[in-house]
């Protein structure tokens, strides 16, 4: 069974990873040319490899 402190640690780690991915995607959007259509998601990577790494 997972202890309460370990659950808190895992939750905080997940929140950090999510925050990092959101920030990375925001930076990538800001770097895109202004004329590029926003709906063209076929060329973007949809999964972040850091999220699939074992804990």
Protein backbone atom coordinates (compact mmCIF):
# COMPACT_ATOMS: atom_id res chain seq x y z
CA UNK A 1 0.00 0.00 0.00
CA UNK A 2 1.21 3.52 -0.79
CA UNK A 3 1.73 5.76 2.19
CA UNK A 4 0.16 9.21 2.36
CA UNK A 5 3.50 10.98 2.01
CA UNK A 6 4.42 8.89 -1.03
CA UNK A 7 1.05 9.68 -2.63
CA UNK A 8 1.67 13.41 -2.08
CA UNK A 9 5.15 13.11 -3.60
CA UNK A 10 3.80 11.30 -6.68
CA UNK A 11 1.00 13.83 -7.11
CA UNK A 12 3.43 16.75 -6.92
CA UNK A 13 5.74 15.06 -9.42
CA UNK A 14 2.83 14.58 -11.83
CA UNK A 15 1.78 18.21 -11.44
CA UNK A 16 5.35 19.36 -12.19
CA UNK A 17 5.47 17.23 -15.32
CA UNK A 18 2.12 18.54 -16.53
CA UNK A 19 3.19 22.12 -15.85
CA UNK A 20 6.45 21.55 -17.75
CA UNK A 21 4.63 20.08 -20.76
CA UNK A 22 2.13 22.95 -20.83
CA UNK A 23 4.95 25.49 -20.70
CA UNK A 24 6.86 23.67 -23.44
CA UNK A 25 3.82 23.61 -25.71
CA UNK A 26 3.15 27.30 -25.00
CA UNK A 27 6.73 28.15 -26.00
CA UNK A 28 6.37 26.05 -29.17
CA UNK A 29 3.16 27.87 -30.11
CA UNK A 30 4.83 31.24 -29.57
CA UNK A 31 7.70 30.21 -31.86
CA UNK A 32 5.33 29.28 -34.74
CA UNK A 33 4.93 31.76 -37.58
CA UNK A 34 1.83 33.94 -37.15
CA UNK A 35 0.41 32.92 -40.55
CA UNK A 36 0.33 29.18 -39.84
CA UNK A 37 -3.19 27.82 -39.23
CA UNK A 38 -3.80 26.77 -35.63
CA UNK A 39 -5.76 23.65 -36.59
CA UNK A 40 -2.84 21.93 -38.32
CA UNK A 41 -2.01 19.43 -35.59
CA UNK A 42 -0.86 16.62 -37.90
CA UNK A 43 2.73 17.87 -37.90
CA UNK A 44 2.98 18.20 -34.12
CA UNK A 45 4.09 15.49 -31.75
CA UNK A 46 1.06 14.59 -29.63
CA UNK A 47 2.78 12.71 -26.84
CA UNK A 48 5.63 13.88 -24.68
CA UNK A 49 8.26 11.13 -24.19
CA UNK A 50 8.94 12.34 -20.65
CA UNK A 51 5.39 11.36 -19.66
CA UNK A 52 5.95 7.74 -20.65
CA UNK A 53 9.13 7.35 -18.60
CA UNK A 54 8.83 5.06 -15.57
CA UNK A 55 8.66 6.77 -12.19
